[in-house]
Amino acid sequence: MASRLCFNIGFLIVASVGLLHGAYAANTYTVGGDLGWIVPPNSTYYEEWASQRTFQIGDSFVFNWTTGTHTATEVSTKEEYDNCTKMGIILIDAGVQVTFNANGTHYFLCSEGTHCEQGQKMIIKIGDGIPPSFAAPSLTAAAALSALFFSTLAIFFLN
């Protein structure tokens, strides 16, 4: 009886570790690092800053500025980003934290004066950058979870 109990507990531990494998602790980034969110020293500053990092689901971004008037405006498309279109969701207070809970590509720019044209804009790519579809969950994941659930039930009821 004791050996069966040890087996059951061991199985549950292994199954739990397997499910948690790949779990990710979210990070909080200050956009632009020590520079913050201001008109940058060169037009590629924020692009370079973002390219040195891998952003994942659950990560948060803080848009900080201590001098000048700025915004963090999220625009919808790459074309709006490239053209510095200044209409979108506007965050006007420094220190605003934005968290992304799904893969996708997000375009931010400053809508003040010519700040965007001077390089105060950034693309944040979460995960693979492709937003989730509204398709049903994959059968592979559903089958794996079902198998784990029914295996666990079988082990307990066959004791």
N, C-alpha and C. Protein backbone atom coordinates (compact mmCIF):
# COMPACT_ATOMS: atom_id res chain seq x y z
N MET A 1 0.83 -1.20 0.00
CA MET A 1 0.00 0.00 0.00
C MET A 1 0.87 1.26 0.00
N ALA A 2 1.93 1.25 0.82
CA ALA A 2 2.80 2.42 0.90
C ALA A 2 3.51 2.66 -0.42
N SER A 3 3.91 1.56 -1.10
CA SER A 3 4.61 1.72 -2.38
C SER A 3 3.68 2.32 -3.43
N ARG A 4 2.40 1.94 -3.39
CA ARG A 4 1.44 2.50 -4.33
C ARG A 4 1.20 3.98 -4.06
N LEU A 5 1.13 4.37 -2.80
CA LEU A 5 0.96 5.76 -2.43
C LEU A 5 2.16 6.58 -2.90
N CYS A 6 3.36 6.04 -2.70
CA CYS A 6 4.57 6.73 -3.17
C CYS A 6 4.55 6.88 -4.68
N PHE A 7 4.10 5.82 -5.39
CA PHE A 7 4.01 5.89 -6.85
C PHE A 7 3.04 6.98 -7.27
N ASN A 8 1.87 7.04 -6.62
CA ASN A 8 0.86 8.05 -6.96
C ASN A 8 1.40 9.47 -6.74
N ILE A 9 2.03 9.68 -5.61
CA ILE A 9 2.59 11.00 -5.31
C ILE A 9 3.69 11.35 -6.31
N GLY A 10 4.55 10.38 -6.60
CA GLY A 10 5.62 10.61 -7.58
C GLY A 10 5.06 10.95 -8.95
N PHE A 11 4.02 10.24 -9.37
CA PHE A 11 3.39 10.51 -10.66
C PHE A 11 2.84 11.93 -10.71
N LEU A 12 2.16 12.33 -9.64
CA LEU A 12 1.59 13.68 -9.61
C LEU A 12 2.67 14.75 -9.64
N ILE A 13 3.78 14.51 -8.95
CA ILE A 13 4.89 15.48 -8.97
C ILE A 13 5.47 15.59 -10.37
N VAL A 14 5.72 14.47 -11.02
CA VAL A 14 6.28 14.48 -12.37
C VAL A 14 5.31 15.17 -13.33
N ALA A 15 4.03 14.85 -13.22
CA ALA A 15 3.03 15.46 -14.10
C ALA A 15 2.96 16.98 -13.87
N SER A 16 3.02 17.39 -12.62
CA SER A 16 2.97 18.83 -12.31
C SER A 16 4.19 19.55 -12.85
N VAL A 17 5.36 18.96 -12.70
CA VAL A 17 6.59 19.57 -13.22
C VAL A 17 6.50 19.68 -14.73
N GLY A 18 5.96 18.65 -15.38
CA GLY A 18 5.81 18.67 -16.83
C GLY A 18 4.90 19.78 -17.28
N LEU A 19 3.83 20.01 -16.55
CA LEU A 19 2.90 21.08 -16.91
C LEU A 19 3.50 22.45 -16.67
N LEU A 20 4.35 22.56 -15.65
CA LEU A 20 4.95 23.85 -15.34
C LEU A 20 6.19 24.15 -16.17
N HIS A 21 6.72 23.13 -16.85
CA HIS A 21 7.91 23.34 -17.68
C HIS A 21 7.61 24.43 -18.70
N GLY A 22 8.46 25.39 -18.78
CA GLY A 22 8.25 26.49 -19.70
C GLY A 22 7.50 27.65 -19.07
N ALA A 23 7.15 27.56 -17.79
CA ALA A 23 6.48 28.68 -17.13
C ALA A 23 7.43 29.88 -17.15
N TYR A 24 6.87 31.05 -17.22
CA TYR A 24 7.66 32.25 -17.44
C TYR A 24 7.33 33.28 -16.38
N ALA A 25 8.35 33.86 -15.79
CA ALA A 25 8.16 34.96 -14.85
C ALA A 25 8.19 36.26 -15.64
N ALA A 26 7.11 37.00 -15.59
CA ALA A 26 7.00 38.23 -16.36
C ALA A 26 8.00 39.28 -15.87
N ASN A 27 8.41 40.14 -16.79
CA ASN A 27 9.34 41.22 -16.49
C ASN A 27 8.65 42.56 -16.65
N THR A 28 9.18 43.56 -15.95
CA THR A 28 8.74 44.94 -16.14
C THR A 28 9.91 45.72 -16.72
N TYR A 29 9.67 46.34 -17.85
CA TYR A 29 10.70 47.12 -18.54
C TYR A 29 10.39 48.60 -18.48
N THR A 30 11.40 49.42 -18.20
CA THR A 30 11.28 50.85 -18.37
C THR A 30 11.69 51.13 -19.80
N VAL A 31 10.74 51.60 -20.60
CA VAL A 31 10.98 51.82 -22.03
C VAL A 31 12.17 52.76 -22.20
N GLY A 32 13.15 52.33 -22.97
CA GLY A 32 14.34 53.13 -23.21
C GLY A 32 15.41 52.99 -22.13
N GLY A 33 15.16 52.15 -21.14
CA GLY A 33 16.14 51.96 -20.07
C GLY A 33 16.36 53.25 -19.28
N ASP A 34 17.61 53.58 -19.02
CA ASP A 34 17.94 54.78 -18.23
C ASP A 34 17.54 56.07 -18.92
N LEU A 35 17.50 56.07 -20.25
CA LEU A 35 17.11 57.27 -20.99
C LEU A 35 15.64 57.59 -20.77
N GLY A 36 14.81 56.54 -20.67
CA GLY A 36 13.38 56.73 -20.52
C GLY A 36 12.74 57.01 -21.87
N TRP A 37 11.57 57.62 -21.83
CA TRP A 37 10.77 57.90 -23.03
C TRP A 37 10.85 59.39 -23.34
N ILE A 38 11.88 59.76 -24.08
CA ILE A 38 12.10 61.15 -24.48
C ILE A 38 12.55 61.17 -25.94
N VAL A 39 12.73 62.36 -26.50
CA VAL A 39 13.30 62.44 -27.84
C VAL A 39 14.70 61.86 -27.74
N PRO A 40 14.99 60.80 -28.50
CA PRO A 40 16.25 60.07 -28.32
C PRO A 40 17.43 60.78 -28.99
N PRO A 41 18.64 60.36 -28.62
CA PRO A 41 19.84 60.96 -29.21
C PRO A 41 20.02 60.61 -30.69
N ASN A 42 19.38 59.52 -31.14
CA ASN A 42 19.41 59.18 -32.58
C ASN A 42 18.10 58.50 -32.94
N SER A 43 17.77 58.47 -34.21
CA SER A 43 16.45 58.00 -34.65
C SER A 43 16.24 56.49 -34.51
N THR A 44 17.30 55.74 -34.24
CA THR A 44 17.16 54.29 -34.10
C THR A 44 17.30 53.82 -32.65
N TYR A 45 17.36 54.73 -31.71
CA TYR A 45 17.61 54.38 -30.31
C TYR A 45 16.61 53.34 -29.79
N TYR A 46 15.31 53.61 -29.92
CA TYR A 46 14.30 52.71 -29.35
C TYR A 46 14.24 51.39 -30.11
N GLU A 47 14.46 51.43 -31.40
CA GLU A 47 14.52 50.20 -32.19
C GLU A 47 15.67 49.31 -31.70
N GLU A 48 16.81 49.91 -31.46
CA GLU A 48 17.97 49.17 -30.95
C GLU A 48 17.71 48.65 -29.54
N TRP A 49 17.09 49.49 -28.71
CA TRP A 49 16.80 49.09 -27.33
C TRP A 49 15.90 47.85 -27.33
N ALA A 50 14.83 47.88 -28.13
CA ALA A 50 13.88 46.77 -28.17
C ALA A 50 14.51 45.52 -28.79
N SER A 51 15.37 45.68 -29.77
CA SER A 51 15.96 44.52 -30.46
C SER A 51 16.90 43.72 -29.55
N GLN A 52 17.32 44.31 -28.45
CA GLN A 52 18.22 43.63 -27.52
C GLN A 52 17.46 42.83 -26.46
N ARG A 53 16.14 42.78 -26.59
CA ARG A 53 15.31 42.11 -25.60
C ARG A 53 14.29 41.20 -26.28
N THR A 54 13.86 40.19 -25.54
CA THR A 54 12.78 39.32 -26.00
C THR A 54 11.61 39.53 -25.06
N PHE A 55 10.51 40.01 -25.59
CA PHE A 55 9.34 40.30 -24.78
C PHE A 55 8.34 39.15 -24.86
N GLN A 56 7.76 38.81 -23.71
CA GLN A 56 6.85 37.68 -23.62
C GLN A 56 5.50 38.12 -23.05
N ILE A 57 4.53 37.23 -23.20
CA ILE A 57 3.19 37.48 -22.65
C ILE A 57 3.33 37.72 -21.15
N GLY A 58 2.66 38.75 -20.66
CA GLY A 58 2.70 39.09 -19.24
C GLY A 58 3.70 40.17 -18.90
N ASP A 59 4.61 40.46 -19.83
CA ASP A 59 5.59 41.53 -19.58
C ASP A 59 4.88 42.89 -19.53
N SER A 60 5.44 43.80 -18.74
CA SER A 60 4.90 45.15 -18.59
C SER A 60 5.93 46.16 -19.05
N PHE A 61 5.43 47.30 -19.50
CA PHE A 61 6.28 48.37 -20.00
C PHE A 61 5.86 49.67 -19.35
N VAL A 62 6.86 50.38 -18.80
CA VAL A 62 6.61 51.67 -18.14
C VAL A 62 7.18 52.76 -19.04
N PHE A 63 6.34 53.71 -19.40
CA PHE A 63 6.76 54.86 -20.20
C PHE A 63 7.04 56.00 -19.23
N ASN A 64 8.32 56.26 -18.99
CA ASN A 64 8.74 57.31 -18.04
C ASN A 64 9.37 58.48 -18.79
N TRP A 65 9.05 59.69 -18.37
CA TRP A 65 9.77 60.87 -18.81
C TRP A 65 9.75 61.88 -17.68
N THR A 66 10.86 62.56 -17.52
CA THR A 66 10.97 63.52 -16.42
C THR A 66 11.04 64.96 -16.91
N THR A 67 11.32 65.13 -18.18
CA THR A 67 11.38 66.48 -18.73
C THR A 67 10.56 66.56 -20.00
N GLY A 68 10.05 67.73 -20.28
CA GLY A 68 9.31 67.94 -21.52
C GLY A 68 7.90 67.37 -21.48
N THR A 69 7.19 67.61 -22.55
CA THR A 69 5.84 67.10 -22.71
C THR A 69 5.89 65.96 -23.72
N HIS A 70 5.39 64.82 -23.32
CA HIS A 70 5.40 63.65 -24.19
C HIS A 70 4.10 62.88 -24.03
N THR A 71 3.87 61.98 -24.95
CA THR A 71 2.78 61.02 -24.83
C THR A 71 3.33 59.67 -25.25
N ALA A 72 2.63 58.65 -24.90
CA ALA A 72 2.88 57.31 -25.46
C ALA A 72 1.59 56.96 -26.17
N THR A 73 1.59 57.08 -27.48
CA THR A 73 0.40 56.84 -28.27
C THR A 73 0.54 55.51 -28.98
N GLU A 74 -0.43 54.61 -28.78
CA GLU A 74 -0.41 53.34 -29.50
C GLU A 74 -1.24 53.48 -30.76
N VAL A 75 -0.60 53.26 -31.91
CA VAL A 75 -1.29 53.28 -33.19
C VAL A 75 -1.52 51.85 -33.65
N SER A 76 -2.44 51.68 -34.59
CA SER A 76 -2.91 50.34 -34.96
C SER A 76 -2.05 49.59 -35.96
N THR A 77 -1.40 50.31 -36.85
CA THR A 77 -0.73 49.62 -37.95
C THR A 77 0.71 50.09 -38.12
N LYS A 78 1.47 49.28 -38.83
CA LYS A 78 2.85 49.64 -39.16
C LYS A 78 2.87 50.90 -40.03
N GLU A 79 1.91 51.03 -40.91
CA GLU A 79 1.83 52.22 -41.78
C GLU A 79 1.64 53.49 -40.93
N GLU A 80 0.73 53.44 -39.95
CA GLU A 80 0.54 54.59 -39.07
C GLU A 80 1.82 54.89 -38.29
N TYR A 81 2.49 53.85 -37.87
CA TYR A 81 3.76 53.99 -37.15
C TYR A 81 4.81 54.65 -38.05
N ASP A 82 4.98 54.11 -39.25
CA ASP A 82 5.98 54.64 -40.19
C ASP A 82 5.71 56.10 -40.55
N ASN A 83 4.42 56.46 -40.66
CA ASN A 83 4.04 57.81 -41.04
C ASN A 83 3.86 58.75 -39.86
N CYS A 84 4.14 58.25 -38.63
CA CYS A 84 3.96 59.05 -37.41
C CYS A 84 2.54 59.62 -37.31
N THR A 85 1.56 58.79 -37.62
CA THR A 85 0.16 59.17 -37.46
C THR A 85 -0.11 59.36 -35.98
N LYS A 86 -0.65 60.50 -35.64
CA LYS A 86 -0.75 60.86 -34.21
C LYS A 86 -2.14 60.65 -33.63
N MET A 87 -2.84 59.65 -34.14
CA MET A 87 -4.15 59.32 -33.59
C MET A 87 -4.13 57.88 -33.15
N GLY A 88 -4.58 57.64 -31.95
CA GLY A 88 -4.61 56.29 -31.41
C GLY A 88 -4.91 56.36 -29.93
N ILE A 89 -4.59 55.32 -29.21
CA ILE A 89 -4.78 55.30 -27.76
C ILE A 89 -3.62 56.08 -27.15
N ILE A 90 -3.95 57.18 -26.47
CA ILE A 90 -2.92 58.09 -25.97
C ILE A 90 -2.78 57.97 -24.46
N LEU A 91 -1.56 57.68 -24.01
CA LEU A 91 -1.23 57.68 -22.59
C LEU A 91 -0.49 58.99 -22.32
N ILE A 92 -1.06 59.83 -21.49
CA ILE A 92 -0.48 61.17 -21.32
C ILE A 92 0.29 61.36 -20.03
N ASP A 93 0.22 60.41 -19.13
CA ASP A 93 0.91 60.56 -17.85
C ASP A 93 2.18 59.72 -17.83
N ALA A 94 3.27 60.33 -17.40
CA ALA A 94 4.53 59.58 -17.25
C ALA A 94 4.34 58.50 -16.19
N GLY A 95 5.03 57.40 -16.37
CA GLY A 95 4.97 56.32 -15.39
C GLY A 95 3.84 55.34 -15.64
N VAL A 96 3.11 55.51 -16.74
CA VAL A 96 2.03 54.58 -17.04
C VAL A 96 2.62 53.22 -17.38
N GLN A 97 2.04 52.18 -16.82
CA GLN A 97 2.50 50.82 -17.07
C GLN A 97 1.49 50.11 -17.95
N VAL A 98 1.99 49.48 -19.01
CA VAL A 98 1.15 48.75 -19.95
C VAL A 98 1.60 47.29 -19.92
N THR A 99 0.64 46.36 -19.77
CA THR A 99 0.94 44.94 -19.75
C THR A 99 0.23 44.27 -20.92
N PHE A 100 0.93 43.37 -21.59
CA PHE A 100 0.36 42.66 -22.73
C PHE A 100 0.15 41.21 -22.36
N ASN A 101 -1.08 40.72 -22.60
CA ASN A 101 -1.45 39.37 -22.20
C ASN A 101 -1.66 38.43 -23.37
N ALA A 102 -1.16 38.82 -24.54
CA ALA A 102 -1.25 37.95 -25.72
C ALA A 102 -0.12 38.31 -26.67
N ASN A 103 0.25 37.36 -27.52
CA ASN A 103 1.22 37.65 -28.56
C ASN A 103 0.67 38.76 -29.45
N GLY A 104 1.55 39.55 -30.00
CA GLY A 104 1.14 40.60 -30.93
C GLY A 104 2.24 41.63 -31.10
N THR A 105 2.04 42.51 -32.07
CA THR A 105 2.98 43.59 -32.33
C THR A 105 2.27 44.90 -32.02
N HIS A 106 2.91 45.73 -31.20
CA HIS A 106 2.32 46.99 -30.75
C HIS A 106 3.22 48.14 -31.16
N TYR A 107 2.60 49.19 -31.68
CA TYR A 107 3.33 50.35 -32.21
C TYR A 107 3.07 51.56 -31.33
N PHE A 108 4.13 52.11 -30.74
CA PHE A 108 4.01 53.28 -29.89
C PHE A 108 4.83 54.43 -30.46
N LEU A 109 4.30 55.64 -30.28
CA LEU A 109 5.02 56.84 -30.70
C LEU A 109 4.60 58.00 -29.81
N CYS A 110 5.41 59.06 -29.84
CA CYS A 110 5.06 60.28 -29.12
C CYS A 110 4.33 61.17 -30.11
N SER A 111 3.16 61.66 -29.71
CA SER A 111 2.35 62.48 -30.60
C SER A 111 2.57 63.98 -30.40
N GLU A 112 3.57 64.35 -29.61
CA GLU A 112 3.89 65.77 -29.39
C GLU A 112 4.80 66.29 -30.51
N GLY A 113 4.41 67.39 -31.12
CA GLY A 113 5.25 68.06 -32.12
C GLY A 113 5.86 67.09 -33.11
N THR A 114 7.18 67.18 -33.29
CA THR A 114 7.89 66.31 -34.24
C THR A 114 8.70 65.23 -33.51
N HIS A 115 8.32 64.91 -32.29
CA HIS A 115 9.06 63.92 -31.51
C HIS A 115 9.13 62.57 -32.24
N CYS A 116 8.00 62.15 -32.82
CA CYS A 116 7.99 60.87 -33.53
C CYS A 116 8.97 60.91 -34.71
N GLU A 117 8.90 61.97 -35.47
CA GLU A 117 9.78 62.11 -36.64
C GLU A 117 11.26 62.12 -36.22
N GLN A 118 11.53 62.52 -34.97
CA GLN A 118 12.90 62.54 -34.46
C GLN A 118 13.31 61.19 -33.85
N GLY A 119 12.41 60.22 -33.91
CA GLY A 119 12.76 58.88 -33.45
C GLY A 119 12.11 58.43 -32.17
N GLN A 120 11.21 59.21 -31.60
CA GLN A 120 10.56 58.80 -30.35
C GLN A 120 9.37 57.90 -30.71
N LYS A 121 9.72 56.70 -31.12
CA LYS A 121 8.72 55.69 -31.45
C LYS A 121 9.36 54.32 -31.29
N MET A 122 8.52 53.32 -31.02
CA MET A 122 9.04 51.99 -30.73
C MET A 122 8.02 50.93 -31.06
N ILE A 123 8.53 49.80 -31.56
CA ILE A 123 7.70 48.63 -31.81
C ILE A 123 7.97 47.63 -30.69
N ILE A 124 6.90 47.15 -30.06
CA ILE A 124 7.00 46.13 -29.03
C ILE A 124 6.38 44.86 -29.59
N LYS A 125 7.22 43.86 -29.76
CA LYS A 125 6.78 42.57 -30.30
C LYS A 125 6.71 41.57 -29.15
N ILE A 126 5.50 41.12 -28.85
CA ILE A 126 5.27 40.18 -27.76
C ILE A 126 5.25 38.77 -28.34
N GLY A 127 6.09 37.89 -27.78
CA GLY A 127 6.16 36.51 -28.27
C GLY A 127 6.60 36.50 -29.72
N ASP A 128 5.84 35.80 -30.55
CA ASP A 128 6.18 35.73 -31.97
C ASP A 128 5.64 36.93 -32.75
N GLY A 129 4.94 37.82 -32.07
CA GLY A 129 4.42 39.03 -32.71
C GLY A 129 3.12 38.81 -33.44
N ILE A 130 2.65 37.58 -33.49
CA ILE A 130 1.41 37.28 -34.21
C ILE A 130 0.27 37.20 -33.21
N PRO A 131 -0.76 38.04 -33.38
CA PRO A 131 -1.87 38.00 -32.42
C PRO A 131 -2.59 36.66 -32.47
N PRO A 132 -3.19 36.26 -31.36
CA PRO A 132 -3.88 34.97 -31.34
C PRO A 132 -5.11 35.00 -32.23
N SER A 133 -5.41 33.85 -32.81
CA SER A 133 -6.65 33.75 -33.58
C SER A 133 -7.74 33.33 -32.61
N PHE A 134 -8.97 33.36 -33.08
CA PHE A 134 -10.08 32.96 -32.22
C PHE A 134 -10.48 31.52 -32.48
N ALA A 135 -9.52 30.73 -32.97
CA ALA A 135 -9.77 29.32 -33.25
C ALA A 135 -9.86 28.55 -31.94
N ALA A 136 -10.43 27.37 -32.05
CA ALA A 136 -10.55 26.50 -30.88
C ALA A 136 -9.16 26.07 -30.42
N PRO A 137 -9.01 25.72 -29.15
CA PRO A 137 -7.72 25.25 -28.66
C PRO A 137 -7.26 24.04 -29.46
N SER A 138 -5.98 23.84 -29.56
CA SER A 138 -5.45 22.74 -30.35
C SER A 138 -5.86 21.41 -29.74
N LEU A 139 -6.10 20.43 -30.59
CA LEU A 139 -6.46 19.10 -30.11
C LEU A 139 -5.31 18.45 -29.36
N THR A 140 -4.10 18.78 -29.74
CA THR A 140 -2.94 18.20 -29.08
C THR A 140 -2.91 18.58 -27.60
N ALA A 141 -3.11 19.87 -27.31
CA ALA A 141 -3.11 20.32 -25.92
C ALA A 141 -4.30 19.74 -25.17
N ALA A 142 -5.47 19.73 -25.80
CA ALA A 142 -6.67 19.19 -25.15
C ALA A 142 -6.50 17.70 -24.89
N ALA A 143 -5.92 16.98 -25.86
CA ALA A 143 -5.72 15.55 -25.69
C ALA A 143 -4.73 15.26 -24.57
N ALA A 144 -3.66 16.05 -24.49
CA ALA A 144 -2.67 15.86 -23.44
C ALA A 144 -3.27 16.09 -22.06
N LEU A 145 -4.05 17.14 -21.92
CA LEU A 145 -4.67 17.42 -20.62
C LEU A 145 -5.69 16.35 -20.26
N SER A 146 -6.47 15.88 -21.25
CA SER A 146 -7.44 14.82 -21.00
C SER A 146 -6.74 13.54 -20.55
N ALA A 147 -5.66 13.20 -21.25
CA ALA A 147 -4.92 11.98 -20.90
C ALA A 147 -4.38 12.07 -19.48
N LEU A 148 -3.82 13.23 -19.12
CA LEU A 148 -3.29 13.40 -17.77
C LEU A 148 -4.40 13.26 -16.73
N PHE A 149 -5.54 13.90 -16.99
CA PHE A 149 -6.66 13.87 -16.05
C PHE A 149 -7.17 12.44 -15.85
N PHE A 150 -7.42 11.74 -16.97
CA PHE A 150 -7.98 10.40 -16.86
C PHE A 150 -6.96 9.39 -16.31
N SER A 151 -5.69 9.60 -16.60
CA SER A 151 -4.65 8.73 -16.02
C SER A 151 -4.60 8.88 -14.51
N THR A 152 -4.68 10.11 -14.06
CA THR A 152 -4.67 10.38 -12.62
C THR A 152 -5.87 9.75 -11.94
N LEU A 153 -7.05 9.90 -12.57
CA LEU A 153 -8.26 9.28 -12.01
C LEU A 153 -8.11 7.76 -11.95
N ALA A 154 -7.61 7.17 -13.02
CA ALA A 154 -7.46 5.71 -13.07
C ALA A 154 -6.52 5.22 -11.97
N ILE A 155 -5.42 5.92 -11.76
CA ILE A 155 -4.47 5.51 -10.72
C ILE A 155 -5.11 5.52 -9.35
N PHE A 156 -5.89 6.56 -9.05
CA PHE A 156 -6.50 6.65 -7.74
C PHE A 156 -7.61 5.61 -7.54
N PHE A 157 -8.40 5.35 -8.60
CA PHE A 157 -9.52 4.42 -8.44
C PHE A 157 -9.08 2.94 -8.54
N LEU A 158 -7.91 2.69 -9.10
CA LEU A 158 -7.45 1.32 -9.21
C LEU A 158 -6.68 0.86 -7.97
N ASN A 159 -6.52 1.75 -7.02
CA ASN A 159 -5.83 1.36 -5.77
C ASN A 159 -6.67 0.45 -4.94
